[in-house]
Amino acid sequence: EAIFNYHPQIKLYVDNGGVFKVLGKELRKQNNNELFQANVRVSNNIRKYIDLNGNRIYVGFGERCKVYDHFHVKRCNNCQQFNHFKDNCKSLDKPVCAHCAQDHKTDDCQHASDSSFVPTCHNCKSNNNGADTRHAAFWARCPTYKDAQIKLEKSIMYYSNESKNI
């Protein structure tokens, strides 16, 4: 609500069908400072408005916060593939371990607790894209996950070259 007071244009966009949805918020401490982070889903017109305002947004208390884009790609905890979660997995009877890429549930992995074990990423192994496979499928810096994030970003109209030039 405070954001709408500082940014009536965002409220106008929302009133006309635009999306501004807070997905989560978190208060963290870093170097004796309190940091607030919010994850927000916005429509293209609101993202463009934020971009035109220097990728900063007033949130109250006279604070202007920097806006960062993050593209979360769904990863199934059963088959480890992207773009769906376990509830919608079509391979529930064929689990793949996120640690070793073998055919068992991740929770049942006998290797994960072994300190000398080197994990294997199922997605990097399956894609044969030359990426290093020595990491778990849930590693945030997985090259195949990063590729999926780029693909997702390109699928969003705001980030395509045509709409940035509007």
C-alpha atoms as a PDB file:
ATOM      1  CA  GLU A   1       0.000   0.000   0.000  1.00  0.00           C
ATOM      2  CA  ALA A   2       2.838   2.418   0.835  1.00  0.00           C
ATOM      3  CA  ILE A   3       4.341   1.771  -2.597  1.00  0.00           C
ATOM      4  CA  PHE A   4       1.070   2.840  -4.248  1.00  0.00           C
ATOM      5  CA  ASN A   5       1.175   6.107  -2.247  1.00  0.00           C
ATOM      6  CA  TYR A   6       4.690   6.848  -3.519  1.00  0.00           C
ATOM      7  CA  HIS A   7       3.971   5.514  -7.001  1.00  0.00           C
ATOM      8  CA  PRO A   8       0.390   6.333  -8.063  1.00  0.00           C
ATOM      9  CA  GLN A   9       1.281   5.208 -11.606  1.00  0.00           C
ATOM     10  CA  ILE A  10       1.823   1.633 -10.336  1.00  0.00           C
ATOM     11  CA  LYS A  11      -1.589   1.778  -8.620  1.00  0.00           C
ATOM     12  CA  LEU A  12      -3.123   2.972 -11.885  1.00  0.00           C
ATOM     13  CA  TYR A  13      -1.523   0.078 -13.760  1.00  0.00           C
ATOM     14  CA  VAL A  14      -2.808  -2.401 -11.148  1.00  0.00           C
ATOM     15  CA  ASP A  15      -6.307  -0.875 -11.285  1.00  0.00           C
ATOM     16  CA  ASN A  16      -6.227  -1.479 -15.045  1.00  0.00           C
ATOM     17  CA  GLY A  17      -5.194  -5.133 -14.873  1.00  0.00           C
ATOM     18  CA  GLY A  18      -1.457  -4.846 -14.258  1.00  0.00           C
ATOM     19  CA  VAL A  19       0.264  -7.209 -11.832  1.00  0.00           C
ATOM     20  CA  PHE A  20       2.089  -6.184  -8.663  1.00  0.00           C
ATOM     21  CA  LYS A  21       2.119  -9.193  -6.355  1.00  0.00           C
ATOM     22  CA  VAL A  22       4.383  -9.604  -3.329  1.00  0.00           C
ATOM     23  CA  LEU A  23       5.520 -13.248  -3.317  1.00  0.00           C
ATOM     24  CA  GLY A  24       7.591 -13.072  -0.159  1.00  0.00           C
ATOM     25  CA  LYS A  25       9.499 -10.757   2.167  1.00  0.00           C
ATOM     26  CA  GLU A  26      12.479 -11.259   4.389  1.00  0.00           C
ATOM     27  CA  LEU A  27      14.346  -9.211   6.981  1.00  0.00           C
ATOM     28  CA  ARG A  28      18.029 -10.128   7.342  1.00  0.00           C
ATOM     29  CA  LYS A  29      20.949  -8.796   9.313  1.00  0.00           C
ATOM     30  CA  GLN A  30      24.245  -8.073   7.609  1.00  0.00           C
ATOM     31  CA  ASN A  31      27.142  -6.230   9.288  1.00  0.00           C
ATOM     32  CA  ASN A  32      24.812  -5.002  12.059  1.00  0.00           C
ATOM     33  CA  ASN A  33      22.435  -3.569   9.445  1.00  0.00           C
ATOM     34  CA  GLU A  34      18.904  -4.769   8.862  1.00  0.00           C
ATOM     35  CA  LEU A  35      18.216  -5.508   5.219  1.00  0.00           C
ATOM     36  CA  PHE A  36      14.758  -5.963   3.796  1.00  0.00           C
ATOM     37  CA  GLN A  37      14.210  -7.992   0.653  1.00  0.00           C
ATOM     38  CA  ALA A  38      10.935  -8.527  -1.136  1.00  0.00           C
ATOM     39  CA  ASN A  39      10.203 -10.778  -4.083  1.00  0.00           C
ATOM     40  CA  VAL A  40       7.578  -9.218  -6.296  1.00  0.00           C
ATOM     41  CA  ARG A  41       5.989 -10.342  -9.553  1.00  0.00           C
ATOM     42  CA  VAL A  42       5.130  -7.444 -11.845  1.00  0.00           C
ATOM     43  CA  SER A  43       3.603  -7.066 -15.284  1.00  0.00           C
ATOM     44  CA  ASN A  44       5.603  -5.680 -18.204  1.00  0.00           C
ATOM     45  CA  ASN A  45       4.174  -2.154 -17.939  1.00  0.00           C
ATOM     46  CA  ILE A  46       5.082  -1.903 -14.236  1.00  0.00           C
ATOM     47  CA  ARG A  47       8.581  -3.264 -14.898  1.00  0.00           C
ATOM     48  CA  LYS A  48       9.022  -0.644 -17.618  1.00  0.00           C
ATOM     49  CA  TYR A  49       7.892   2.080 -15.183  1.00  0.00           C
ATOM     50  CA  ILE A  50      10.444   0.888 -12.592  1.00  0.00           C
ATOM     51  CA  ASP A  51      13.134   0.797 -15.311  1.00  0.00           C
ATOM     52  CA  LEU A  52      12.332   4.377 -16.317  1.00  0.00           C
ATOM     53  CA  ASN A  53      12.731   5.386 -12.659  1.00  0.00           C
ATOM     54  CA  GLY A  54      16.321   4.174 -12.548  1.00  0.00           C
ATOM     55  CA  ASN A  55      15.455   0.649 -11.369  1.00  0.00           C
ATOM     56  CA  ARG A  56      14.666   2.075  -7.955  1.00  0.00           C
ATOM     57  CA  ILE A  57      11.405   2.183  -6.079  1.00  0.00           C
ATOM     58  CA  TYR A  58      10.295   4.132  -3.006  1.00  0.00           C
ATOM     59  CA  VAL A  59       8.987   1.787  -0.331  1.00  0.00           C
ATOM     60  CA  GLY A  60       8.347   4.185   2.556  1.00  0.00           C
ATOM     61  CA  PHE A  61      10.431   5.889   5.232  1.00  0.00           C
ATOM     62  CA  GLY A  62      12.063   7.924   2.460  1.00  0.00           C
ATOM     63  CA  GLU A  63      13.905   4.809   1.279  1.00  0.00           C
ATOM     64  CA  ARG A  64      14.575   4.169  -2.388  1.00  0.00           C
ATOM     65  CA  CYS A  65      15.369   0.526  -2.981  1.00  0.00           C
ATOM     66  CA  LYS A  66      17.320  -0.921  -5.880  1.00  0.00           C
ATOM     67  CA  VAL A  67      15.347  -3.369  -8.020  1.00  0.00           C
ATOM     68  CA  TYR A  68      17.010  -6.557  -9.212  1.00  0.00           C
ATOM     69  CA  ASP A  69      15.549  -9.041 -11.635  1.00  0.00           C
ATOM     70  CA  HIS A  70      15.556 -12.725 -10.776  1.00  0.00           C
ATOM     71  CA  PHE A  71      14.189 -15.464 -12.954  1.00  0.00           C
ATOM     72  CA  HIS A  72      13.201 -18.487 -10.918  1.00  0.00           C
ATOM     73  CA  VAL A  73      12.966 -21.609 -13.020  1.00  0.00           C
ATOM     74  CA  LYS A  74      10.867 -24.394 -11.545  1.00  0.00           C
ATOM     75  CA  ARG A  75      12.805 -27.610 -10.885  1.00  0.00           C
ATOM     76  CA  CYS A  76      11.057 -30.835 -10.009  1.00  0.00           C
ATOM     77  CA  ASN A  77      12.300 -32.518  -6.826  1.00  0.00           C
ATOM     78  CA  ASN A  78      11.384 -35.894  -8.290  1.00  0.00           C
ATOM     79  CA  CYS A  79      12.816 -36.053 -11.833  1.00  0.00           C
ATOM     80  CA  GLN A  80      15.059 -32.939 -11.474  1.00  0.00           C
ATOM     81  CA  GLN A  81      13.852 -31.524 -14.811  1.00  0.00           C
ATOM     82  CA  PHE A  82      12.826 -27.908 -15.240  1.00  0.00           C
ATOM     83  CA  ASN A  83       9.507 -26.113 -15.748  1.00  0.00           C
ATOM     84  CA  HIS A  84       7.388 -28.123 -13.329  1.00  0.00           C
ATOM     85  CA  PHE A  85       7.243 -29.110  -9.682  1.00  0.00           C
ATOM     86  CA  LYS A  86       6.844 -32.578  -8.192  1.00  0.00           C
ATOM     87  CA  ASP A  87       3.030 -32.215  -7.893  1.00  0.00           C
ATOM     88  CA  ASN A  88       2.833 -32.063 -11.713  1.00  0.00           C
ATOM     89  CA  CYS A  89       5.585 -34.569 -12.492  1.00  0.00           C
ATOM     90  CA  LYS A  90       4.707 -37.144 -15.131  1.00  0.00           C
ATOM     91  CA  SER A  91       7.568 -39.394 -13.957  1.00  0.00           C
ATOM     92  CA  LEU A  92       6.588 -39.959 -10.332  1.00  0.00           C
ATOM     93  CA  ASP A  93       7.439 -43.649 -10.685  1.00  0.00           C
ATOM     94  CA  LYS A  94      10.931 -42.789 -12.014  1.00  0.00           C
ATOM     95  CA  PRO A  95      12.698 -40.588  -9.451  1.00  0.00           C
ATOM     96  CA  VAL A  96      16.158 -39.201 -10.135  1.00  0.00           C
ATOM     97  CA  CYS A  97      18.480 -38.282  -7.271  1.00  0.00           C
ATOM     98  CA  ALA A  98      19.519 -34.612  -7.095  1.00  0.00           C
ATOM     99  CA  HIS A  99      22.863 -35.661  -5.579  1.00  0.00           C
ATOM    100  CA  CYS A 100      24.107 -38.532  -7.743  1.00  0.00           C
ATOM    101  CA  ALA A 101      21.719 -38.566 -10.749  1.00  0.00           C
ATOM    102  CA  GLN A 102      20.880 -42.235 -10.146  1.00  0.00           C
ATOM    103  CA  ASP A 103      17.420 -43.804 -10.157  1.00  0.00           C
ATOM    104  CA  HIS A 104      16.277 -43.291  -6.558  1.00  0.00           C
ATOM    105  CA  LYS A 105      14.698 -40.540  -4.465  1.00  0.00           C
ATOM    106  CA  THR A 106      17.064 -37.807  -3.314  1.00  0.00           C
ATOM    107  CA  ASP A 107      16.142 -38.457   0.338  1.00  0.00           C
ATOM    108  CA  ASP A 108      17.246 -42.095  -0.085  1.00  0.00           C
ATOM    109  CA  CYS A 109      20.701 -41.296  -1.477  1.00  0.00           C
ATOM    110  CA  GLN A 110      23.416 -43.322   0.243  1.00  0.00           C
ATOM    111  CA  HIS A 111      26.189 -41.131  -1.209  1.00  0.00           C
ATOM    112  CA  ALA A 112      25.108 -37.681  -0.001  1.00  0.00           C
ATOM    113  CA  SER A 113      26.457 -38.109   3.542  1.00  0.00           C
ATOM    114  CA  ASP A 114      29.870 -39.350   2.336  1.00  0.00           C
ATOM    115  CA  SER A 115      32.379 -36.469   2.599  1.00  0.00           C
ATOM    116  CA  SER A 116      34.437 -37.795  -0.331  1.00  0.00           C
ATOM    117  CA  PHE A 117      31.407 -38.115  -2.629  1.00  0.00           C
ATOM    118  CA  VAL A 118      31.410 -35.948  -5.754  1.00  0.00           C
ATOM    119  CA  PRO A 119      27.840 -35.127  -6.835  1.00  0.00           C
ATOM    120  CA  THR A 120      26.567 -35.444 -10.390  1.00  0.00           C
ATOM    121  CA  CYS A 121      24.019 -33.066 -11.892  1.00  0.00           C
ATOM    122  CA  HIS A 122      21.337 -34.939 -13.781  1.00  0.00           C
ATOM    123  CA  ASN A 123      20.501 -31.929 -15.991  1.00  0.00           C
ATOM    124  CA  CYS A 124      24.082 -31.175 -17.046  1.00  0.00           C
ATOM    125  CA  LYS A 125      24.704 -34.884 -17.631  1.00  0.00           C
ATOM    126  CA  SER A 126      21.514 -35.290 -19.716  1.00  0.00           C
ATOM    127  CA  ASN A 127      22.037 -32.191 -21.836  1.00  0.00           C
ATOM    128  CA  ASN A 128      25.522 -33.170 -23.008  1.00  0.00           C
ATOM    129  CA  ASN A 129      26.291 -29.461 -23.289  1.00  0.00           C
ATOM    130  CA  GLY A 130      29.874 -29.836 -22.133  1.00  0.00           C
ATOM    131  CA  ALA A 131      29.103 -28.352 -18.720  1.00  0.00           C
ATOM    132  CA  ASP A 132      30.842 -29.633 -15.629  1.00  0.00           C
ATOM    133  CA  THR A 133      28.493 -32.182 -14.031  1.00  0.00           C
ATOM    134  CA  ARG A 134      30.234 -32.217 -10.622  1.00  0.00           C
ATOM    135  CA  HIS A 135      27.513 -30.476  -8.628  1.00  0.00           C
ATOM    136  CA  ALA A 136      24.053 -31.305  -7.304  1.00  0.00           C
ATOM    137  CA  ALA A 137      21.011 -30.630  -9.477  1.00  0.00           C
ATOM    138  CA  PHE A 138      19.834 -27.963  -6.999  1.00  0.00           C
ATOM    139  CA  TRP A 139      23.068 -25.900  -7.170  1.00  0.00           C
ATOM    140  CA  ALA A 140      22.095 -22.268  -7.856  1.00  0.00           C
ATOM    141  CA  ARG A 141      25.060 -21.799 -10.240  1.00  0.00           C
ATOM    142  CA  CYS A 142      24.366 -24.932 -12.290  1.00  0.00           C
ATOM    143  CA  PRO A 143      25.172 -24.049 -15.939  1.00  0.00           C
ATOM    144  CA  THR A 144      22.052 -25.818 -17.219  1.00  0.00           C
ATOM    145  CA  TYR A 145      19.917 -23.949 -14.679  1.00  0.00           C
ATOM    146  CA  LYS A 146      21.554 -20.670 -15.755  1.00  0.00           C
ATOM    147  CA  ASP A 147      20.737 -21.521 -19.396  1.00  0.00           C
ATOM    148  CA  ALA A 148      17.114 -22.162 -18.372  1.00  0.00           C
ATOM    149  CA  GLN A 149      17.020 -18.768 -16.616  1.00  0.00           C
ATOM    150  CA  ILE A 150      18.257 -17.043 -19.787  1.00  0.00           C
ATOM    151  CA  LYS A 151      15.651 -18.906 -21.844  1.00  0.00           C
ATOM    152  CA  LEU A 152      12.943 -17.818 -19.378  1.00  0.00           C
ATOM    153  CA  GLU A 153      14.139 -14.214 -19.477  1.00  0.00           C
ATOM    154  CA  LYS A 154      13.994 -14.199 -23.287  1.00  0.00           C
ATOM    155  CA  SER A 155      10.429 -15.537 -23.168  1.00  0.00           C
ATOM    156  CA  ILE A 156       9.223 -12.505 -21.200  1.00  0.00           C
ATOM    157  CA  MET A 157       8.041  -9.730 -23.480  1.00  0.00           C
ATOM    158  CA  TYR A 158       9.622  -6.896 -21.453  1.00  0.00           C
ATOM    159  CA  TYR A 159      13.099  -8.375 -21.867  1.00  0.00           C
ATOM    160  CA  SER A 160      12.850  -8.925 -25.606  1.00  0.00           C
ATOM    161  CA  ASN A 161      14.653  -6.335 -27.751  1.00  0.00           C
ATOM    162  CA  GLU A 162      11.451  -5.065 -29.339  1.00  0.00           C
ATOM    163  CA  SER A 163       9.702  -4.084 -26.104  1.00  0.00           C
ATOM    164  CA  LYS A 164      12.768  -2.398 -24.530  1.00  0.00           C
ATOM    165  CA  ASN A 165      12.810   0.041 -27.443  1.00  0.00           C
ATOM    166  CA  ILE A 166       9.158   1.033 -26.994  1.00  0.00           C
END
